[in-house]
Amino acid sequence: KKIVAEIIKKECGSTNDAPYEYVKDSSGFKVVKGNTIKLGRFEDAGKDKNIGLTDIITHHDGSTMAAGMMSWKKEDSFPWKLTYEEIDYVIEGELAITINGKTYNGQPGDVFYIPKGSDIVFGTPSSVKIMYVTYPANWAEQN
């Protein structure tokens, strides 16, 4: 039984080592079950902010890009300087990104590209859930 569990963990991934369920092929291919993703707390946005964030694809997967999910409410909007490139896809709610004094709003299905070096405010008039892709994969170490 233990041997089978170890093989499954090695070949398919484990729900014990990640806040989501996934299947990973020996080739590096990975499928994350979206409805199982549990968001952690993104403390870098500020101690008084309640930002949910979980990286789901990282450099640990052998990728040069990273991807994850993030969500927050209006009162948790926060300023951010990007030292990496980012693409955001709006899943639910409304995303409002302010850059150079102008606010750009996006609805579910909309995609944002944020260039490296941008000073922005991640906001929302209500609440939002996004998927992000960053380059390089170690975006958190770039700050």
Protein backbone atom coordinates (compact mmCIF):
# COMPACT_ATOMS: atom_id res chain seq x y z
CA LYS A 1 0.00 0.00 0.00
CA LYS A 2 2.80 2.43 0.93
CA ILE A 3 4.68 1.70 -2.27
CA VAL A 4 1.58 2.38 -4.38
CA ALA A 5 1.00 5.67 -2.53
CA GLU A 6 4.62 6.72 -3.16
CA ILE A 7 4.35 5.89 -6.88
CA ILE A 8 1.10 7.85 -7.18
CA LYS A 9 2.64 10.80 -5.34
CA LYS A 10 5.72 10.75 -7.57
CA GLU A 11 3.84 10.32 -10.85
CA CYS A 12 0.65 12.29 -10.22
CA GLY A 13 1.46 14.85 -7.60
CA SER A 14 0.00 15.08 -4.15
CA THR A 15 -2.71 17.19 -2.60
CA ASN A 16 -0.60 17.20 0.59
CA ASP A 17 2.22 19.32 -0.83
CA ALA A 18 0.15 21.93 -2.68
CA PRO A 19 -3.03 23.92 -1.97
CA TYR A 20 -4.70 22.31 -4.98
CA GLU A 21 -5.10 18.97 -6.71
CA TYR A 22 -3.00 18.30 -9.78
CA VAL A 23 -1.70 15.63 -12.10
CA LYS A 24 1.87 15.85 -13.34
CA ASP A 25 3.31 13.73 -16.12
CA SER A 26 6.96 12.61 -16.05
CA SER A 27 7.48 14.92 -19.07
CA GLY A 28 6.75 17.96 -16.86
CA PHE A 29 3.21 18.44 -18.19
CA LYS A 30 0.90 19.50 -15.34
CA VAL A 31 -2.87 19.84 -14.98
CA VAL A 32 -4.21 21.78 -11.98
CA LYS A 33 -7.84 21.17 -11.00
CA GLY A 34 -9.14 24.75 -10.83
CA ASN A 35 -12.03 24.06 -8.48
CA THR A 36 -9.59 22.71 -5.85
CA ILE A 37 -7.32 25.77 -5.62
CA LYS A 38 -7.17 27.25 -2.12
CA LEU A 39 -5.79 30.78 -2.00
CA GLY A 40 -3.20 31.66 0.61
CA ARG A 41 -2.68 35.12 2.06
CA PHE A 42 -0.50 37.55 0.07
CA GLU A 43 1.23 39.41 2.89
CA ASP A 44 3.49 41.49 0.60
CA ALA A 45 0.45 43.60 -0.37
CA GLY A 46 0.27 44.90 3.22
CA LYS A 47 -0.57 43.51 6.64
CA ASP A 48 -3.97 45.22 6.64
CA LYS A 49 -4.91 43.72 3.25
CA ASN A 50 -6.83 40.48 2.74
CA ILE A 51 -5.45 39.37 -0.61
CA GLY A 52 -5.77 35.73 -1.62
CA LEU A 53 -2.94 34.39 -3.78
CA THR A 54 -1.57 31.01 -4.78
CA ASP A 55 1.14 30.23 -7.33
CA ILE A 56 0.11 27.13 -9.29
CA ILE A 57 2.94 26.89 -11.84
CA THR A 58 6.43 27.92 -10.68
CA HIS A 59 10.11 27.48 -11.44
CA HIS A 60 9.85 24.27 -9.36
CA ASP A 61 7.86 22.90 -12.31
CA GLY A 62 10.78 23.69 -14.62
CA SER A 63 8.94 26.65 -16.15
CA THR A 64 10.48 30.03 -17.00
CA MET A 65 7.00 31.51 -16.45
CA ALA A 66 4.75 31.37 -13.39
CA ALA A 67 0.98 31.29 -13.12
CA GLY A 68 -1.41 31.62 -10.23
CA MET A 69 -4.73 32.84 -8.93
CA MET A 70 -5.44 35.97 -6.92
CA SER A 71 -8.55 37.59 -5.44
CA TRP A 72 -9.45 40.61 -3.32
CA LYS A 73 -12.22 43.08 -2.51
CA LYS A 74 -12.49 46.86 -2.99
CA GLU A 75 -11.12 47.71 0.45
CA ASP A 76 -8.02 45.60 -0.21
CA SER A 77 -6.80 47.39 -3.35
CA PHE A 78 -3.04 47.98 -3.23
CA PRO A 79 -0.15 49.73 -5.02
CA TRP A 80 2.50 47.56 -6.67
CA LYS A 81 5.72 48.04 -8.65
CA LEU A 82 6.34 45.26 -11.13
CA THR A 83 9.94 44.18 -11.56
CA TYR A 84 8.76 41.49 -13.98
CA GLU A 85 6.20 41.17 -16.81
CA GLU A 86 2.64 40.11 -15.99
CA ILE A 87 -0.50 39.09 -17.84
CA ASP A 88 -3.80 39.07 -15.91
CA TYR A 89 -6.98 37.27 -17.01
CA VAL A 90 -10.20 38.30 -15.24
CA ILE A 91 -12.15 35.23 -14.07
CA GLU A 92 -14.89 36.90 -12.02
CA GLY A 93 -15.79 40.37 -10.84
CA GLU A 94 -14.12 43.53 -12.17
CA LEU A 95 -10.41 44.32 -12.26
CA ALA A 96 -9.34 47.97 -12.12
CA ILE A 97 -5.68 48.74 -12.76
CA THR A 98 -4.48 52.31 -12.36
CA ILE A 99 -1.31 53.33 -14.19
CA ASN A 100 -0.03 56.84 -14.99
CA GLY A 101 -3.10 58.34 -13.30
CA LYS A 102 -5.58 56.49 -15.52
CA THR A 103 -7.75 53.53 -14.47
CA TYR A 104 -8.47 50.66 -16.85
CA ASN A 105 -11.36 48.32 -16.00
CA GLY A 106 -11.78 44.73 -17.09
CA GLN A 107 -14.65 42.25 -16.94
CA PRO A 108 -14.56 38.42 -16.98
CA GLY A 109 -12.70 37.28 -20.07
CA ASP A 110 -10.60 40.46 -20.40
CA VAL A 111 -6.80 40.27 -20.48
CA PHE A 112 -4.29 42.85 -19.19
CA TYR A 113 -0.57 43.04 -20.04
CA ILE A 114 1.57 44.91 -17.50
CA PRO A 115 5.15 45.70 -18.62
CA LYS A 116 8.16 45.27 -16.35
CA GLY A 117 8.87 48.47 -14.38
CA SER A 118 5.21 49.56 -14.13
CA ASP A 119 3.95 51.36 -11.01
CA ILE A 120 0.28 50.42 -10.67
CA VAL A 121 -2.60 50.05 -8.26
CA PHE A 122 -4.39 46.70 -8.30
CA GLY A 123 -8.01 47.59 -7.59
CA THR A 124 -11.63 46.64 -8.01
CA PRO A 125 -14.91 48.52 -7.53
CA SER A 126 -16.34 45.44 -5.77
CA SER A 127 -14.37 42.17 -5.85
CA VAL A 128 -12.24 40.33 -8.38
CA LYS A 129 -10.63 36.97 -9.07
CA ILE A 130 -7.85 36.77 -11.66
CA MET A 131 -5.38 34.32 -13.10
CA TYR A 132 -1.92 35.78 -13.61
CA VAL A 133 1.08 34.72 -15.66
CA THR A 134 4.49 36.23 -14.91
CA TYR A 135 7.91 36.21 -16.50
CA PRO A 136 10.27 35.29 -15.07
CA ALA A 137 8.83 32.50 -12.95
CA ASN A 138 10.56 33.72 -9.78
CA TRP A 139 8.60 37.00 -9.82
CA ALA A 140 8.46 37.23 -6.02
CA GLU A 141 12.27 37.25 -5.83
CA GLN A 142 12.46 40.13 -8.34
CA ASN A 143 11.15 42.72 -5.82
